[in-house]
């Protein structure tokens, strides 16, 4: 199975920046679709940004113009650059990837999540 390990969260002041990373590992696989989600305190998990099948990025309205999703295929790593952070961005952030993995002699579908990284924006 494909494993995702996140890093880069922390405490930042209002208006600051952070970059989250999500490294994928687990044999031979493709990162077909990637996404970042977040779960604010006391709320449900929500989509932040995604790239489907190598197409254009889609962003949730609250983060448009401030967040940028990207990927490095050689490093099997995805990123979320977060600029002009606001207290409402405080949440646990999760990366998600799904696609094809070569396992047991055949290609299979996978859908993996990172462990989550906490982002706190102080006012």
C-alpha atoms as a PDB file:
ATOM      1  CA  UNK A   1       0.000   0.000   0.000  1.00  0.00           C
ATOM      2  CA  UNK A   2       1.098   3.579  -0.545  1.00  0.00           C
ATOM      3  CA  UNK A   3       2.041   5.499   2.601  1.00  0.00           C
ATOM      4  CA  UNK A   4       1.866   9.273   2.963  1.00  0.00           C
ATOM      5  CA  UNK A   5       3.911  11.152   5.562  1.00  0.00           C
ATOM      6  CA  UNK A   6       3.232  14.820   6.178  1.00  0.00           C
ATOM      7  CA  UNK A   7       5.444  17.532   7.594  1.00  0.00           C
ATOM      8  CA  UNK A   8       5.568  21.287   7.878  1.00  0.00           C
ATOM      9  CA  UNK A   9       2.778  22.219  10.244  1.00  0.00           C
ATOM     10  CA  UNK A  10       3.204  24.507  13.228  1.00  0.00           C
ATOM     11  CA  UNK A  11       2.311  27.802  14.844  1.00  0.00           C
ATOM     12  CA  UNK A  12       2.370  30.949  12.743  1.00  0.00           C
ATOM     13  CA  UNK A  13       1.128  34.504  13.191  1.00  0.00           C
ATOM     14  CA  UNK A  14      -1.729  36.052  11.255  1.00  0.00           C
ATOM     15  CA  UNK A  15      -0.467  36.894   7.774  1.00  0.00           C
ATOM     16  CA  UNK A  16       2.401  34.418   7.890  1.00  0.00           C
ATOM     17  CA  UNK A  17       3.252  31.513   5.604  1.00  0.00           C
ATOM     18  CA  UNK A  18       3.818  27.782   5.885  1.00  0.00           C
ATOM     19  CA  UNK A  19       4.570  25.036   3.404  1.00  0.00           C
ATOM     20  CA  UNK A  20       3.233  21.567   4.030  1.00  0.00           C
ATOM     21  CA  UNK A  21       4.887  18.546   2.463  1.00  0.00           C
ATOM     22  CA  UNK A  22       3.531  15.060   1.902  1.00  0.00           C
ATOM     23  CA  UNK A  23       5.981  12.345   0.875  1.00  0.00           C
ATOM     24  CA  UNK A  24       4.642   9.169  -0.696  1.00  0.00           C
ATOM     25  CA  UNK A  25       6.307   5.779  -0.620  1.00  0.00           C
ATOM     26  CA  UNK A  26       5.416   2.153  -1.223  1.00  0.00           C
ATOM     27  CA  UNK A  27       6.896   0.539  -4.283  1.00  0.00           C
ATOM     28  CA  UNK A  28       5.762   1.252  -7.821  1.00  0.00           C
ATOM     29  CA  UNK A  29       2.810   3.595  -7.971  1.00  0.00           C
ATOM     30  CA  UNK A  30       1.365   6.685  -9.620  1.00  0.00           C
ATOM     31  CA  UNK A  31       0.005   9.748  -7.890  1.00  0.00           C
ATOM     32  CA  UNK A  32      -2.959  10.127 -10.221  1.00  0.00           C
ATOM     33  CA  UNK A  33      -5.031  12.445  -8.055  1.00  0.00           C
ATOM     34  CA  UNK A  34      -3.779  14.505  -5.139  1.00  0.00           C
ATOM     35  CA  UNK A  35      -5.485  16.689  -2.603  1.00  0.00           C
ATOM     36  CA  UNK A  36      -5.208  18.531   0.671  1.00  0.00           C
ATOM     37  CA  UNK A  37      -7.988  18.568   3.229  1.00  0.00           C
ATOM     38  CA  UNK A  38      -8.353  20.165   6.635  1.00  0.00           C
ATOM     39  CA  UNK A  39     -10.404  19.666   9.752  1.00  0.00           C
ATOM     40  CA  UNK A  40     -10.904  22.786  11.870  1.00  0.00           C
ATOM     41  CA  UNK A  41     -11.579  22.314  15.603  1.00  0.00           C
ATOM     42  CA  UNK A  42     -15.089  20.999  16.133  1.00  0.00           C
ATOM     43  CA  UNK A  43     -15.858  20.820  12.423  1.00  0.00           C
ATOM     44  CA  UNK A  44     -15.882  18.240   9.660  1.00  0.00           C
ATOM     45  CA  UNK A  45     -13.037  17.596   7.278  1.00  0.00           C
ATOM     46  CA  UNK A  46     -13.188  19.779   4.170  1.00  0.00           C
ATOM     47  CA  UNK A  47     -11.422  19.970   0.849  1.00  0.00           C
ATOM     48  CA  UNK A  48      -8.759  22.660   0.546  1.00  0.00           C
ATOM     49  CA  UNK A  49      -7.178  21.984  -2.840  1.00  0.00           C
ATOM     50  CA  UNK A  50      -6.925  19.178  -5.366  1.00  0.00           C
ATOM     51  CA  UNK A  51      -5.477  18.229  -8.719  1.00  0.00           C
ATOM     52  CA  UNK A  52      -7.386  15.551 -10.618  1.00  0.00           C
ATOM     53  CA  UNK A  53      -5.572  13.499 -13.270  1.00  0.00           C
ATOM     54  CA  UNK A  54      -2.888  16.110 -13.803  1.00  0.00           C
ATOM     55  CA  UNK A  55      -5.399  18.792 -14.694  1.00  0.00           C
ATOM     56  CA  UNK A  56      -5.832  22.230 -13.250  1.00  0.00           C
ATOM     57  CA  UNK A  57      -5.858  22.779  -9.533  1.00  0.00           C
ATOM     58  CA  UNK A  58      -9.148  23.386  -7.767  1.00  0.00           C
ATOM     59  CA  UNK A  59      -9.293  25.423  -4.580  1.00  0.00           C
ATOM     60  CA  UNK A  60     -11.894  25.973  -1.908  1.00  0.00           C
ATOM     61  CA  UNK A  61     -13.176  29.531  -2.009  1.00  0.00           C
ATOM     62  CA  UNK A  62     -11.713  30.551   1.388  1.00  0.00           C
ATOM     63  CA  UNK A  63      -8.157  29.771   0.255  1.00  0.00           C
ATOM     64  CA  UNK A  64      -8.209  30.950  -3.362  1.00  0.00           C
ATOM     65  CA  UNK A  65      -5.359  33.302  -4.088  1.00  0.00           C
ATOM     66  CA  UNK A  66      -3.548  32.369  -0.866  1.00  0.00           C
ATOM     67  CA  UNK A  67      -2.811  28.620  -1.125  1.00  0.00           C
ATOM     68  CA  UNK A  68      -1.005  26.741  -3.894  1.00  0.00           C
ATOM     69  CA  UNK A  69      -0.955  22.985  -4.405  1.00  0.00           C
ATOM     70  CA  UNK A  70       1.964  21.450  -6.279  1.00  0.00           C
ATOM     71  CA  UNK A  71       3.830  18.211  -6.745  1.00  0.00           C
ATOM     72  CA  UNK A  72       7.283  16.878  -7.525  1.00  0.00           C
ATOM     73  CA  UNK A  73       6.826  13.615  -9.409  1.00  0.00           C
ATOM     74  CA  UNK A  74      10.495  12.681  -9.163  1.00  0.00           C
ATOM     75  CA  UNK A  75      10.397  13.000  -5.382  1.00  0.00           C
ATOM     76  CA  UNK A  76       6.884  11.523  -5.111  1.00  0.00           C
ATOM     77  CA  UNK A  77       6.006  14.486  -2.933  1.00  0.00           C
ATOM     78  CA  UNK A  78       3.132  16.933  -2.904  1.00  0.00           C
ATOM     79  CA  UNK A  79       3.074  20.375  -1.325  1.00  0.00           C
ATOM     80  CA  UNK A  80       0.685  22.985  -0.058  1.00  0.00           C
ATOM     81  CA  UNK A  81       2.100  26.494   0.063  1.00  0.00           C
ATOM     82  CA  UNK A  82      -0.011  28.607   2.383  1.00  0.00           C
ATOM     83  CA  UNK A  83       0.436  32.382   2.347  1.00  0.00           C
ATOM     84  CA  UNK A  84      -1.367  35.202   4.142  1.00  0.00           C
ATOM     85  CA  UNK A  85      -2.612  32.743   6.743  1.00  0.00           C
ATOM     86  CA  UNK A  86      -5.596  33.691   8.861  1.00  0.00           C
ATOM     87  CA  UNK A  87      -6.861  32.395  12.221  1.00  0.00           C
ATOM     88  CA  UNK A  88      -9.723  30.657  10.358  1.00  0.00           C
ATOM     89  CA  UNK A  89      -7.088  28.487   8.639  1.00  0.00           C
ATOM     90  CA  UNK A  90      -6.334  26.820  11.972  1.00  0.00           C
ATOM     91  CA  UNK A  91      -6.922  23.101  11.481  1.00  0.00           C
ATOM     92  CA  UNK A  92      -5.348  19.690  11.134  1.00  0.00           C
ATOM     93  CA  UNK A  93      -4.307  19.335   7.516  1.00  0.00           C
ATOM     94  CA  UNK A  94      -4.355  15.985   5.706  1.00  0.00           C
ATOM     95  CA  UNK A  95      -2.942  15.011   2.350  1.00  0.00           C
ATOM     96  CA  UNK A  96      -4.691  12.471   0.164  1.00  0.00           C
ATOM     97  CA  UNK A  97      -3.575  10.610  -2.907  1.00  0.00           C
ATOM     98  CA  UNK A  98      -5.119   7.914  -5.022  1.00  0.00           C
ATOM     99  CA  UNK A  99      -4.153   6.129  -8.167  1.00  0.00           C
ATOM    100  CA  UNK A 100      -2.478   2.909  -9.255  1.00  0.00           C
ATOM    101  CA  UNK A 101      -0.016   0.751  -7.351  1.00  0.00           C
ATOM    102  CA  UNK A 102       1.765  -2.368  -8.630  1.00  0.00           C
ATOM    103  CA  UNK A 103       1.160  -5.084  -6.062  1.00  0.00           C
ATOM    104  CA  UNK A 104       1.042  -8.854  -6.277  1.00  0.00           C
ATOM    105  CA  UNK A 105       1.818  -8.848  -9.974  1.00  0.00           C
ATOM    106  CA  UNK A 106      -1.049  -6.581 -10.997  1.00  0.00           C
ATOM    107  CA  UNK A 107      -1.986  -2.914 -10.919  1.00  0.00           C
ATOM    108  CA  UNK A 108      -4.420  -2.071  -8.158  1.00  0.00           C
ATOM    109  CA  UNK A 109      -6.185   1.058  -7.062  1.00  0.00           C
ATOM    110  CA  UNK A 110      -5.205   2.722  -3.814  1.00  0.00           C
ATOM    111  CA  UNK A 111      -6.512   5.644  -1.784  1.00  0.00           C
ATOM    112  CA  UNK A 112      -4.213   6.824   0.988  1.00  0.00           C
ATOM    113  CA  UNK A 113      -4.234   9.530   3.644  1.00  0.00           C
ATOM    114  CA  UNK A 114      -1.480  11.198   5.580  1.00  0.00           C
ATOM    115  CA  UNK A 115      -1.445  11.195   9.365  1.00  0.00           C
ATOM    116  CA  UNK A 116      -2.333  14.875   9.608  1.00  0.00           C
ATOM    117  CA  UNK A 117      -0.310  17.902  10.615  1.00  0.00           C
ATOM    118  CA  UNK A 118      -1.583  20.693  12.841  1.00  0.00           C
ATOM    119  CA  UNK A 119      -1.547  24.297  11.688  1.00  0.00           C
ATOM    120  CA  UNK A 120      -2.322  27.014  14.216  1.00  0.00           C
ATOM    121  CA  UNK A 121      -2.618  30.657  13.176  1.00  0.00           C
ATOM    122  CA  UNK A 122      -2.545  33.159  16.004  1.00  0.00           C
ATOM    123  CA  UNK A 123      -4.371  36.463  15.761  1.00  0.00           C
END
